[in-house]
Amino acid sequence: MVYVSMTGFRPRSIARLPMFWWRTIRSFKQAQRAPGNLATAVRVVGGIYHTMTVWSDGASVRAYVASGAHLKAMKDFRRLGSGATYGYTCDEIPTWDAVYQLWTRFGREV
């Protein structure tokens, strides 16, 4: 079993993009190095910036979310924009499209 997470973020304005990118790049690099991370991906769809991560277990993703650059990014989240997230467990690493379809149906605003 793996844990899959997708977040979609829409910046409030162009003026907020530099801080958004600063937080995103640092968080993405943290995810790539984090224990238990199996896959990372980023795409922009319809003006929404998406990150997808796949983890070996829930404890690994919880440790990532609660530390470092990601924790700082979460503190700025609402100030910089709005978004939705969706996470679930499955048997194998899914395709981007499969996760995106689930995110569009079940993603909840954060």
PDB file of N, CA and C in Angstrom:
ATOM      1  N   MET A   1       0.838  -1.191   0.000  1.00  0.00           N
ATOM      2  CA  MET A   1       0.000   0.000   0.000  1.00  0.00           C
ATOM      3  C   MET A   1       0.881   1.253   0.000  1.00  0.00           C
ATOM      4  N   VAL A   2       0.430   2.274  -0.710  1.00  0.00           N
ATOM      5  CA  VAL A   2       1.099   3.575  -0.711  1.00  0.00           C
ATOM      6  C   VAL A   2       0.067   4.648  -0.386  1.00  0.00           C
ATOM      7  N   TYR A   3       0.556   5.789   0.080  1.00  0.00           N
ATOM      8  CA  TYR A   3      -0.320   6.932   0.342  1.00  0.00           C
ATOM      9  C   TYR A   3      -0.042   7.981  -0.730  1.00  0.00           C
ATOM     10  N   VAL A   4      -1.100   8.471  -1.367  1.00  0.00           N
ATOM     11  CA  VAL A   4      -1.003   9.430  -2.460  1.00  0.00           C
ATOM     12  C   VAL A   4      -1.666  10.731  -2.028  1.00  0.00           C
ATOM     13  N   SER A   5      -1.028  11.850  -2.336  1.00  0.00           N
ATOM     14  CA  SER A   5      -1.587  13.154  -1.997  1.00  0.00           C
ATOM     15  C   SER A   5      -1.479  14.094  -3.195  1.00  0.00           C
ATOM     16  N   MET A   6      -2.553  14.835  -3.460  1.00  0.00           N
ATOM     17  CA  MET A   6      -2.517  15.882  -4.482  1.00  0.00           C
ATOM     18  C   MET A   6      -3.094  17.154  -3.884  1.00  0.00           C
ATOM     19  N   THR A   7      -2.401  18.252  -4.127  1.00  0.00           N
ATOM     20  CA  THR A   7      -2.864  19.572  -3.730  1.00  0.00           C
ATOM     21  C   THR A   7      -2.939  20.448  -4.973  1.00  0.00           C
ATOM     22  N   GLY A   8      -3.991  21.222  -5.069  1.00  0.00           N
ATOM     23  CA  GLY A   8      -4.133  22.214  -6.128  1.00  0.00           C
ATOM     24  C   GLY A   8      -4.220  23.588  -5.485  1.00  0.00           C
ATOM     25  N   PHE A   9      -3.444  24.542  -5.992  1.00  0.00           N
ATOM     26  CA  PHE A   9      -3.355  25.865  -5.378  1.00  0.00           C
ATOM     27  C   PHE A   9      -3.533  26.949  -6.430  1.00  0.00           C
ATOM     28  N   ARG A  10      -4.355  27.940  -6.098  1.00  0.00           N
ATOM     29  CA  ARG A  10      -4.560  29.091  -6.986  1.00  0.00           C
ATOM     30  C   ARG A  10      -4.094  30.338  -6.237  1.00  0.00           C
ATOM     31  N   PRO A  11      -2.989  30.961  -6.697  1.00  0.00           N
ATOM     32  CA  PRO A  11      -2.510  32.185  -6.038  1.00  0.00           C
ATOM     33  C   PRO A  11      -3.550  33.300  -6.117  1.00  0.00           C
ATOM     34  N   ARG A  12      -3.591  34.128  -5.080  1.00  0.00           N
ATOM     35  CA  ARG A  12      -4.545  35.253  -5.018  1.00  0.00           C
ATOM     36  C   ARG A  12      -4.289  36.290  -6.107  1.00  0.00           C
ATOM     37  N   SER A  13      -3.023  36.507  -6.437  1.00  0.00           N
ATOM     38  CA  SER A  13      -2.684  37.513  -7.433  1.00  0.00           C
ATOM     39  C   SER A  13      -1.287  37.249  -7.971  1.00  0.00           C
ATOM     40  N   ILE A  14      -0.973  37.940  -9.049  1.00  0.00           N
ATOM     41  CA  ILE A  14       0.377  37.837  -9.623  1.00  0.00           C
ATOM     42  C   ILE A  14       1.411  38.318  -8.614  1.00  0.00           C
ATOM     43  N   ALA A  15       1.060  39.285  -7.820  1.00  0.00           N
ATOM     44  CA  ALA A  15       1.992  39.815  -6.818  1.00  0.00           C
ATOM     45  C   ALA A  15       2.384  38.762  -5.787  1.00  0.00           C
ATOM     46  N   ARG A  16       1.561  37.759  -5.592  1.00  0.00           N
ATOM     47  CA  ARG A  16       1.847  36.705  -4.598  1.00  0.00           C
ATOM     48  C   ARG A  16       2.666  35.556  -5.195  1.00  0.00           C
ATOM     49  N   LEU A  17       2.842  35.544  -6.515  1.00  0.00           N
ATOM     50  CA  LEU A  17       3.554  34.439  -7.154  1.00  0.00           C
ATOM     51  C   LEU A  17       4.998  34.253  -6.679  1.00  0.00           C
ATOM     52  N   PRO A  18       5.794  35.308  -6.501  1.00  0.00           N
ATOM     53  CA  PRO A  18       7.174  35.059  -6.046  1.00  0.00           C
ATOM     54  C   PRO A  18       7.239  34.315  -4.714  1.00  0.00           C
ATOM     55  N   MET A  19       6.444  34.693  -3.733  1.00  0.00           N
ATOM     56  CA  MET A  19       6.463  33.999  -2.454  1.00  0.00           C
ATOM     57  C   MET A  19       5.900  32.584  -2.605  1.00  0.00           C
ATOM     58  N   PHE A  20       4.855  32.452  -3.426  1.00  0.00           N
ATOM     59  CA  PHE A  20       4.308  31.131  -3.691  1.00  0.00           C
ATOM     60  C   PHE A  20       5.383  30.214  -4.264  1.00  0.00           C
ATOM     61  N   TRP A  21       6.112  30.665  -5.272  1.00  0.00           N
ATOM     62  CA  TRP A  21       7.154  29.834  -5.885  1.00  0.00           C
ATOM     63  C   TRP A  21       8.286  29.546  -4.904  1.00  0.00           C
ATOM     64  N   TRP A  22       8.660  30.523  -4.106  1.00  0.00           N
ATOM     65  CA  TRP A  22       9.695  30.306  -3.099  1.00  0.00           C
ATOM     66  C   TRP A  22       9.279  29.159  -2.165  1.00  0.00           C
ATOM     67  N   ARG A  23       8.064  29.220  -1.652  1.00  0.00           N
ATOM     68  CA  ARG A  23       7.567  28.194  -0.738  1.00  0.00           C
ATOM     69  C   ARG A  23       7.418  26.837  -1.454  1.00  0.00           C
ATOM     70  N   THR A  24       6.907  26.863  -2.681  1.00  0.00           N
ATOM     71  CA  THR A  24       6.664  25.631  -3.421  1.00  0.00           C
ATOM     72  C   THR A  24       7.958  24.898  -3.757  1.00  0.00           C
ATOM     73  N   ILE A  25       8.939  25.609  -4.260  1.00  0.00           N
ATOM     74  CA  ILE A  25      10.202  24.970  -4.648  1.00  0.00           C
ATOM     75  C   ILE A  25      10.881  24.356  -3.427  1.00  0.00           C
ATOM     76  N   ARG A  26      10.904  25.076  -2.344  1.00  0.00           N
ATOM     77  CA  ARG A  26      11.531  24.545  -1.122  1.00  0.00           C
ATOM     78  C   ARG A  26      10.770  23.329  -0.584  1.00  0.00           C
ATOM     79  N   SER A  27       9.447  23.381  -0.612  1.00  0.00           N
ATOM     80  CA  SER A  27       8.636  22.249  -0.144  1.00  0.00           C
ATOM     81  C   SER A  27       8.807  21.040  -1.051  1.00  0.00           C
ATOM     82  N   PHE A  28       8.864  21.278  -2.351  1.00  0.00           N
ATOM     83  CA  PHE A  28       9.017  20.184  -3.311  1.00  0.00           C
ATOM     84  C   PHE A  28      10.375  19.493  -3.132  1.00  0.00           C
ATOM     85  N   LYS A  29      11.421  20.282  -2.949  1.00  0.00           N
ATOM     86  CA  LYS A  29      12.747  19.703  -2.713  1.00  0.00           C
ATOM     87  C   LYS A  29      12.767  18.917  -1.404  1.00  0.00           C
ATOM     88  N   GLN A  30      12.099  19.441  -0.387  1.00  0.00           N
ATOM     89  CA  GLN A  30      11.995  18.716   0.882  1.00  0.00           C
ATOM     90  C   GLN A  30      11.307  17.369   0.658  1.00  0.00           C
ATOM     91  N   ALA A  31      10.214  17.375  -0.102  1.00  0.00           N
ATOM     92  CA  ALA A  31       9.484  16.132  -0.365  1.00  0.00           C
ATOM     93  C   ALA A  31      10.369  15.120  -1.091  1.00  0.00           C
ATOM     94  N   GLN A  32      11.114  15.578  -2.079  1.00  0.00           N
ATOM     95  CA  GLN A  32      11.968  14.669  -2.840  1.00  0.00           C
ATOM     96  C   GLN A  32      13.008  13.981  -1.952  1.00  0.00           C
ATOM     97  N   ARG A  33      13.486  14.672  -0.926  1.00  0.00           N
ATOM     98  CA  ARG A  33      14.513  14.128  -0.026  1.00  0.00           C
ATOM     99  C   ARG A  33      13.931  13.404   1.187  1.00  0.00           C
ATOM    100  N   ALA A  34      12.640  13.536   1.412  1.00  0.00           N
ATOM    101  CA  ALA A  34      12.021  13.026   2.640  1.00  0.00           C
ATOM    102  C   ALA A  34      12.013  11.499   2.687  1.00  0.00           C
ATOM    103  N   PRO A  35      12.302  10.937   3.853  1.00  0.00           N
ATOM    104  CA  PRO A  35      12.184   9.486   4.010  1.00  0.00           C
ATOM    105  C   PRO A  35      10.759   9.033   3.689  1.00  0.00           C
ATOM    106  N   GLY A  36      10.657   7.958   2.929  1.00  0.00           N
ATOM    107  CA  GLY A  36       9.349   7.414   2.583  1.00  0.00           C
ATOM    108  C   GLY A  36       8.740   7.971   1.313  1.00  0.00           C
ATOM    109  N   ASN A  37       9.333   9.009   0.717  1.00  0.00           N
ATOM    110  CA  ASN A  37       8.789   9.566  -0.522  1.00  0.00           C
ATOM    111  C   ASN A  37       9.156   8.661  -1.691  1.00  0.00           C
ATOM    112  N   LEU A  38       8.165   8.281  -2.475  1.00  0.00           N
ATOM    113  CA  LEU A  38       8.373   7.387  -3.616  1.00  0.00           C
ATOM    114  C   LEU A  38       8.279   8.105  -4.953  1.00  0.00           C
ATOM    115  N   ALA A  39       7.534   9.216  -5.011  1.00  0.00           N
ATOM    116  CA  ALA A  39       7.355   9.939  -6.267  1.00  0.00           C
ATOM    117  C   ALA A  39       6.866  11.357  -5.984  1.00  0.00           C
ATOM    118  N   THR A  40       7.270  12.285  -6.849  1.00  0.00           N
ATOM    119  CA  THR A  40       6.815  13.674  -6.767  1.00  0.00           C
ATOM    120  C   THR A  40       6.579  14.181  -8.187  1.00  0.00           C
ATOM    121  N   ALA A  41       5.591  15.035  -8.342  1.00  0.00           N
ATOM    122  CA  ALA A  41       5.290  15.617  -9.651  1.00  0.00           C
ATOM    123  C   ALA A  41       4.600  16.959  -9.453  1.00  0.00           C
ATOM    124  N   VAL A  42       4.782  17.835 -10.420  1.00  0.00           N
ATOM    125  CA  VAL A  42       4.156  19.163 -10.406  1.00  0.00           C
ATOM    126  C   VAL A  42       3.601  19.436 -11.797  1.00  0.00           C
ATOM    127  N   ARG A  43       2.401  19.985 -11.853  1.00  0.00           N
ATOM    128  CA  ARG A  43       1.794  20.407 -13.122  1.00  0.00           C
ATOM    129  C   ARG A  43       0.869  21.583 -12.864  1.00  0.00           C
ATOM    130  N   VAL A  44       0.665  22.378 -13.916  1.00  0.00           N
ATOM    131  CA  VAL A  44      -0.309  23.467 -13.874  1.00  0.00           C
ATOM    132  C   VAL A  44      -1.450  23.073 -14.796  1.00  0.00           C
ATOM    133  N   VAL A  45      -2.667  23.064 -14.263  1.00  0.00           N
ATOM    134  CA  VAL A  45      -3.851  22.715 -15.042  1.00  0.00           C
ATOM    135  C   VAL A  45      -4.886  23.808 -14.820  1.00  0.00           C
ATOM    136  N   GLY A  46      -5.259  24.499 -15.887  1.00  0.00           N
ATOM    137  CA  GLY A  46      -6.288  25.525 -15.800  1.00  0.00           C
ATOM    138  C   GLY A  46      -5.974  26.624 -14.808  1.00  0.00           C
ATOM    139  N   GLY A  47      -4.703  27.008 -14.708  1.00  0.00           N
ATOM    140  CA  GLY A  47      -4.312  28.075 -13.791  1.00  0.00           C
ATOM    141  C   GLY A  47      -4.168  27.635 -12.341  1.00  0.00           C
ATOM    142  N   ILE A  48      -4.324  26.339 -12.080  1.00  0.00           N
ATOM    143  CA  ILE A  48      -4.162  25.799 -10.730  1.00  0.00           C
ATOM    144  C   ILE A  48      -2.853  25.013 -10.696  1.00  0.00           C
ATOM    145  N   TYR A  49      -2.038  25.307  -9.713  1.00  0.00           N
ATOM    146  CA  TYR A  49      -0.736  24.667  -9.549  1.00  0.00           C
ATOM    147  C   TYR A  49      -0.907  23.423  -8.683  1.00  0.00           C
ATOM    148  N   HIS A  50      -0.574  22.266  -9.249  1.00  0.00           N
ATOM    149  CA  HIS A  50      -0.768  20.992  -8.566  1.00  0.00           C
ATOM    150  C   HIS A  50       0.557  20.343  -8.186  1.00  0.00           C
ATOM    151  N   THR A  51       0.576  19.751  -6.998  1.00  0.00           N
ATOM    152  CA  THR A  51       1.660  18.865  -6.611  1.00  0.00           C
ATOM    153  C   THR A  51       1.055  17.509  -6.281  1.00  0.00           C
ATOM    154  N   MET A  52       1.759  16.472  -6.698  1.00  0.00           N
ATOM    155  CA  MET A  52       1.362  15.111  -6.367  1.00  0.00           C
ATOM    156  C   MET A  52       2.562  14.438  -5.713  1.00  0.00           C
ATOM    157  N   THR A  53       2.328  13.807  -4.575  1.00  0.00           N
ATOM    158  CA  THR A  53       3.380  13.038  -3.917  1.00  0.00           C
ATOM    159  C   THR A  53       2.852  11.658  -3.577  1.00  0.00           C
ATOM    160  N   VAL A  54       3.754  10.697  -3.577  1.00  0.00           N
ATOM    161  CA  VAL A  54       3.411   9.326  -3.222  1.00  0.00           C
ATOM    162  C   VAL A  54       4.378   8.894  -2.125  1.00  0.00           C
ATOM    163  N   TRP A  55       3.821   8.271  -1.087  1.00  0.00           N
ATOM    164  CA  TRP A  55       4.578   7.927   0.122  1.00  0.00           C
ATOM    165  C   TRP A  55       4.452   6.454   0.441  1.00  0.00           C
ATOM    166  N   SER A  56       5.475   5.912   1.068  1.00  0.00           N
ATOM    167  CA  SER A  56       5.464   4.499   1.444  1.00  0.00           C
ATOM    168  C   SER A  56       4.478   4.212   2.569  1.00  0.00           C
ATOM    169  N   ASP A  57       4.153   5.245   3.356  1.00  0.00           N
ATOM    170  CA  ASP A  57       3.243   5.047   4.487  1.00  0.00           C
ATOM    171  C   ASP A  57       2.757   6.397   5.015  1.00  0.00           C
ATOM    172  N   GLY A  58       1.707   6.348   5.814  1.00  0.00           N
ATOM    173  CA  GLY A  58       1.119   7.557   6.376  1.00  0.00           C
ATOM    174  C   GLY A  58       2.037   8.291   7.329  1.00  0.00           C
ATOM    175  N   ALA A  59       2.850   7.561   8.076  1.00  0.00           N
ATOM    176  CA  ALA A  59       3.766   8.207   9.026  1.00  0.00           C
ATOM    177  C   ALA A  59       4.774   9.089   8.293  1.00  0.00           C
ATOM    178  N   SER A  60       5.229   8.649   7.135  1.00  0.00           N
ATOM    179  CA  SER A  60       6.196   9.440   6.365  1.00  0.00           C
ATOM    180  C   SER A  60       5.590  10.748   5.883  1.00  0.00           C
ATOM    181  N   VAL A  61       4.380  10.695   5.360  1.00  0.00           N
ATOM    182  CA  VAL A  61       3.750  11.924   4.880  1.00  0.00           C
ATOM    183  C   VAL A  61       3.428  12.855   6.050  1.00  0.00           C
ATOM    184  N   ARG A  62       3.025  12.316   7.166  1.00  0.00           N
ATOM    185  CA  ARG A  62       2.735  13.165   8.333  1.00  0.00           C
ATOM    186  C   ARG A  62       4.005  13.861   8.832  1.00  0.00           C
ATOM    187  N   ALA A  63       5.117  13.163   8.822  1.00  0.00           N
ATOM    188  CA  ALA A  63       6.383  13.764   9.244  1.00  0.00           C
ATOM    189  C   ALA A  63       6.779  14.890   8.294  1.00  0.00           C
ATOM    190  N   TYR A  64       6.593  14.685   7.005  1.00  0.00           N
ATOM    191  CA  TYR A  64       6.899  15.716   6.004  1.00  0.00           C
ATOM    192  C   TYR A  64       6.004  16.945   6.188  1.00  0.00           C
ATOM    193  N   VAL A  65       4.711  16.729   6.313  1.00  0.00           N
ATOM    194  CA  VAL A  65       3.749  17.827   6.422  1.00  0.00           C
ATOM    195  C   VAL A  65       4.020  18.697   7.646  1.00  0.00           C
ATOM    196  N   ALA A  66       4.486  18.091   8.717  1.00  0.00           N
ATOM    197  CA  ALA A  66       4.635  18.799   9.997  1.00  0.00           C
ATOM    198  C   ALA A  66       6.034  19.365  10.221  1.00  0.00           C
ATOM    199  N   SER A  67       6.846  19.485   9.160  1.00  0.00           N
ATOM    200  CA  SER A  67       8.214  19.952   9.382  1.00  0.00           C
ATOM    201  C   SER A  67       8.737  20.807   8.225  1.00  0.00           C
ATOM    202  N   GLY A  68       9.816  21.493   8.507  1.00  0.00           N
ATOM    203  CA  GLY A  68      10.600  22.187   7.489  1.00  0.00           C
ATOM    204  C   GLY A  68       9.845  23.162   6.609  1.00  0.00           C
ATOM    205  N   ALA A  69      10.238  23.163   5.338  1.00  0.00           N
ATOM    206  CA  ALA A  69       9.690  24.098   4.358  1.00  0.00           C
ATOM    207  C   ALA A  69       8.187  23.918   4.171  1.00  0.00           C
ATOM    208  N   HIS A  70       7.707  22.680   4.232  1.00  0.00           N
ATOM    209  CA  HIS A  70       6.271  22.467   4.048  1.00  0.00           C
ATOM    210  C   HIS A  70       5.464  23.096   5.168  1.00  0.00           C
ATOM    211  N   LEU A  71       5.927  22.972   6.380  1.00  0.00           N
ATOM    212  CA  LEU A  71       5.223  23.585   7.512  1.00  0.00           C
ATOM    213  C   LEU A  71       5.162  25.103   7.342  1.00  0.00           C
ATOM    214  N   LYS A  72       6.253  25.714   6.922  1.00  0.00           N
ATOM    215  CA  LYS A  72       6.268  27.165   6.679  1.00  0.00           C
ATOM    216  C   LYS A  72       5.307  27.537   5.553  1.00  0.00           C
ATOM    217  N   ALA A  73       5.271  26.726   4.504  1.00  0.00           N
ATOM    218  CA  ALA A  73       4.365  26.994   3.387  1.00  0.00           C
ATOM    219  C   ALA A  73       2.910  26.936   3.832  1.00  0.00           C
ATOM    220  N   MET A  74       2.585  25.976   4.685  1.00  0.00           N
ATOM    221  CA  MET A  74       1.208  25.858   5.163  1.00  0.00           C
ATOM    222  C   MET A  74       0.797  27.072   5.987  1.00  0.00           C
ATOM    223  N   LYS A  75       1.722  27.652   6.700  1.00  0.00           N
ATOM    224  CA  LYS A  75       1.407  28.852   7.483  1.00  0.00           C
ATOM    225  C   LYS A  75       1.074  30.036   6.582  1.00  0.00           C
ATOM    226  N   ASP A  76       1.616  30.064   5.361  1.00  0.00           N
ATOM    227  CA  ASP A  76       1.353  31.146   4.400  1.00  0.00           C
ATOM    228  C   ASP A  76       0.226  30.820   3.424  1.00  0.00           C
ATOM    229  N   PHE A  77      -0.305  29.623   3.466  1.00  0.00           N
ATOM    230  CA  PHE A  77      -1.223  29.135   2.445  1.00  0.00           C
ATOM    231  C   PHE A  77      -2.376  30.101   2.169  1.00  0.00           C
ATOM    232  N   ARG A  78      -3.139  30.427   3.177  1.00  0.00           N
ATOM    233  CA  ARG A  78      -4.328  31.271   2.984  1.00  0.00           C
ATOM    234  C   ARG A  78      -3.971  32.709   2.597  1.00  0.00           C
ATOM    235  N   ARG A  79      -2.837  33.177   3.068  1.00  0.00           N
ATOM    236  CA  ARG A  79      -2.405  34.530   2.707  1.00  0.00           C
ATOM    237  C   ARG A  79      -2.042  34.609   1.228  1.00  0.00           C
ATOM    238  N   LEU A  80      -1.507  33.523   0.698  1.00  0.00           N
ATOM    239  CA  LEU A  80      -1.040  33.519  -0.687  1.00  0.00           C
ATOM    240  C   LEU A  80      -2.111  33.117  -1.693  1.00  0.00           C
ATOM    241  N   GLY A  81      -3.115  32.374  -1.261  1.00  0.00           N
ATOM    242  CA  GLY A  81      -4.143  31.941  -2.206  1.00  0.00           C
ATOM    243  C   GLY A  81      -5.110  30.966  -1.590  1.00  0.00           C
ATOM    244  N   SER A  82      -5.671  30.104  -2.423  1.00  0.00           N
ATOM    245  CA  SER A  82      -6.629  29.107  -1.955  1.00  0.00           C
ATOM    246  C   SER A  82      -6.375  27.804  -2.693  1.00  0.00           C
ATOM    247  N   GLY A  83      -6.919  26.730  -2.145  1.00  0.00           N
ATOM    248  CA  GLY A  83      -6.703  25.455  -2.804  1.00  0.00           C
ATOM    249  C   GLY A  83      -7.472  24.326  -2.173  1.00  0.00           C
ATOM    250  N   ALA A  84      -7.232  23.145  -2.731  1.00  0.00           N
ATOM    251  CA  ALA A  84      -7.884  21.932  -2.270  1.00  0.00           C
ATOM    252  C   ALA A  84      -6.872  20.799  -2.266  1.00  0.00           C
ATOM    253  N   THR A  85      -7.138  19.810  -1.432  1.00  0.00           N
ATOM    254  CA  THR A  85      -6.249  18.664  -1.330  1.00  0.00           C
ATOM    255  C   THR A  85      -7.059  17.377  -1.281  1.00  0.00           C
ATOM    256  N   TYR A  86      -6.420  16.299  -1.683  1.00  0.00           N
ATOM    257  CA  TYR A  86      -7.031  14.975  -1.588  1.00  0.00           C
ATOM    258  C   TYR A  86      -5.931  13.957  -1.376  1.00  0.00           C
ATOM    259  N   GLY A  87      -6.126  13.053  -0.444  1.00  0.00           N
ATOM    260  CA  GLY A  87      -5.172  11.996  -0.185  1.00  0.00           C
ATOM    261  C   GLY A  87      -5.878  10.680   0.033  1.00  0.00           C
ATOM    262  N   TYR A  88      -5.216   9.590  -0.339  1.00  0.00           N
ATOM    263  CA  TYR A  88      -5.817   8.265  -0.208  1.00  0.00           C
ATOM    264  C   TYR A  88      -4.737   7.188  -0.278  1.00  0.00           C
ATOM    265  N   THR A  89      -5.088   5.990   0.095  1.00  0.00           N
ATOM    266  CA  THR A  89      -4.174   4.862  -0.030  1.00  0.00           C
ATOM    267  C   THR A  89      -4.603   3.989  -1.204  1.00  0.00           C
ATOM    268  N   CYS A  90      -3.617   3.348  -1.809  1.00  0.00           N
ATOM    269  CA  CYS A  90      -3.888   2.424  -2.907  1.00  0.00           C
ATOM    270  C   CYS A  90      -2.762   1.391  -2.974  1.00  0.00           C
ATOM    271  N   ASP A  91      -2.888   0.431  -3.875  1.00  0.00           N
ATOM    272  CA  ASP A  91      -1.946  -0.681  -3.934  1.00  0.00           C
ATOM    273  C   ASP A  91      -0.631  -0.363  -4.636  1.00  0.00           C
ATOM    274  N   GLU A  92      -0.644   0.604  -5.580  1.00  0.00           N
ATOM    275  CA  GLU A  92       0.566   0.917  -6.333  1.00  0.00           C
ATOM    276  C   GLU A  92       0.586   2.389  -6.714  1.00  0.00           C
ATOM    277  N   ILE A  93       1.712   2.852  -7.184  1.00  0.00           N
ATOM    278  CA  ILE A  93       1.831   4.252  -7.582  1.00  0.00           C
ATOM    279  C   ILE A  93       0.922   4.498  -8.783  1.00  0.00           C
ATOM    280  N   PRO A  94      -0.050   5.412  -8.637  1.00  0.00           N
ATOM    281  CA  PRO A  94      -1.003   5.671  -9.719  1.00  0.00           C
ATOM    282  C   PRO A  94      -0.440   6.663 -10.741  1.00  0.00           C
ATOM    283  N   THR A  95      -1.148   6.794 -11.852  1.00  0.00           N
ATOM    284  CA  THR A  95      -0.776   7.800 -12.853  1.00  0.00           C
ATOM    285  C   THR A  95      -1.234   9.183 -12.388  1.00  0.00           C
ATOM    286  N   TRP A  96      -0.610  10.197 -12.947  1.00  0.00           N
ATOM    287  CA  TRP A  96      -1.019  11.574 -12.653  1.00  0.00           C
ATOM    288  C   TRP A  96      -2.502  11.750 -12.968  1.00  0.00           C
ATOM    289  N   ASP A  97      -2.922  11.296 -14.135  1.00  0.00           N
ATOM    290  CA  ASP A  97      -4.309  11.494 -14.563  1.00  0.00           C
ATOM    291  C   ASP A  97      -5.310  10.843 -13.613  1.00  0.00           C
ATOM    292  N   ALA A  98      -4.985   9.664 -13.108  1.00  0.00           N
ATOM    293  CA  ALA A  98      -5.888   8.985 -12.177  1.00  0.00           C
ATOM    294  C   ALA A  98      -6.038   9.791 -10.887  1.00  0.00           C
ATOM    295  N   VAL A  99      -4.935  10.306 -10.378  1.00  0.00           N
ATOM    296  CA  VAL A  99      -4.988  11.100  -9.147  1.00  0.00           C
ATOM    297  C   VAL A  99      -5.723  12.409  -9.394  1.00  0.00           C
ATOM    298  N   TYR A 100      -5.451  13.041 -10.529  1.00  0.00           N
ATOM    299  CA  TYR A 100      -6.110  14.308 -10.851  1.00  0.00           C
ATOM    300  C   TYR A 100      -7.632  14.124 -10.921  1.00  0.00           C
ATOM    301  N   GLN A 101      -8.090  13.043 -11.529  1.00  0.00           N
ATOM    302  CA  GLN A 101      -9.533  12.788 -11.611  1.00  0.00           C
ATOM    303  C   GLN A 101     -10.151  12.646 -10.221  1.00  0.00           C
ATOM    304  N   LEU A 102      -9.467  11.948  -9.333  1.00  0.00           N
ATOM    305  CA  LEU A 102      -9.961  11.820  -7.954  1.00  0.00           C
ATOM    306  C   LEU A 102      -9.939  13.164  -7.241  1.00  0.00           C
ATOM    307  N   TRP A 103      -8.887  13.952  -7.465  1.00  0.00           N
ATOM    308  CA  TRP A 103      -8.796  15.281  -6.846  1.00  0.00           C
ATOM    309  C   TRP A 103      -9.967  16.159  -7.298  1.00  0.00           C
ATOM    310  N   THR A 104     -10.303  16.134  -8.581  1.00  0.00           N
ATOM    311  CA  THR A 104     -11.410  16.973  -9.067  1.00  0.00           C
ATOM    312  C   THR A 104     -12.741  16.557  -8.448  1.00  0.00           C
ATOM    313  N   ARG A 105     -12.916  15.273  -8.151  1.00  0.00           N
ATOM    314  CA  ARG A 105     -14.164  14.778  -7.576  1.00  0.00           C
ATOM    315  C   ARG A 105     -14.236  14.925  -6.064  1.00  0.00           C
ATOM    316  N   PHE A 106     -13.107  14.671  -5.391  1.00  0.00           N
ATOM    317  CA  PHE A 106     -13.139  14.543  -3.933  1.00  0.00           C
ATOM    318  C   PHE A 106     -12.273  15.540  -3.172  1.00  0.00           C
ATOM    319  N   GLY A 107     -11.524  16.375  -3.902  1.00  0.00           N
ATOM    320  CA  GLY A 107     -10.652  17.334  -3.230  1.00  0.00           C
ATOM    321  C   GLY A 107     -11.445  18.249  -2.313  1.00  0.00           C
ATOM    322  N   ARG A 108     -10.883  18.511  -1.137  1.00  0.00           N
ATOM    323  CA  ARG A 108     -11.573  19.395  -0.193  1.00  0.00           C
ATOM    324  C   ARG A 108     -10.734  20.645   0.011  1.00  0.00           C
ATOM    325  N   GLU A 109     -11.433  21.750   0.137  1.00  0.00           N
ATOM    326  CA  GLU A 109     -10.772  23.039   0.324  1.00  0.00           C
ATOM    327  C   GLU A 109     -10.015  23.068   1.638  1.00  0.00           C
ATOM    328  N   VAL A 110      -8.841  23.651   1.591  1.00  0.00           N
ATOM    329  CA  VAL A 110      -8.030  23.805   2.817  1.00  0.00           C
ATOM    330  C   VAL A 110      -7.874  25.264   3.159  1.00  0.00           C
TER     331      VAL A 110
END
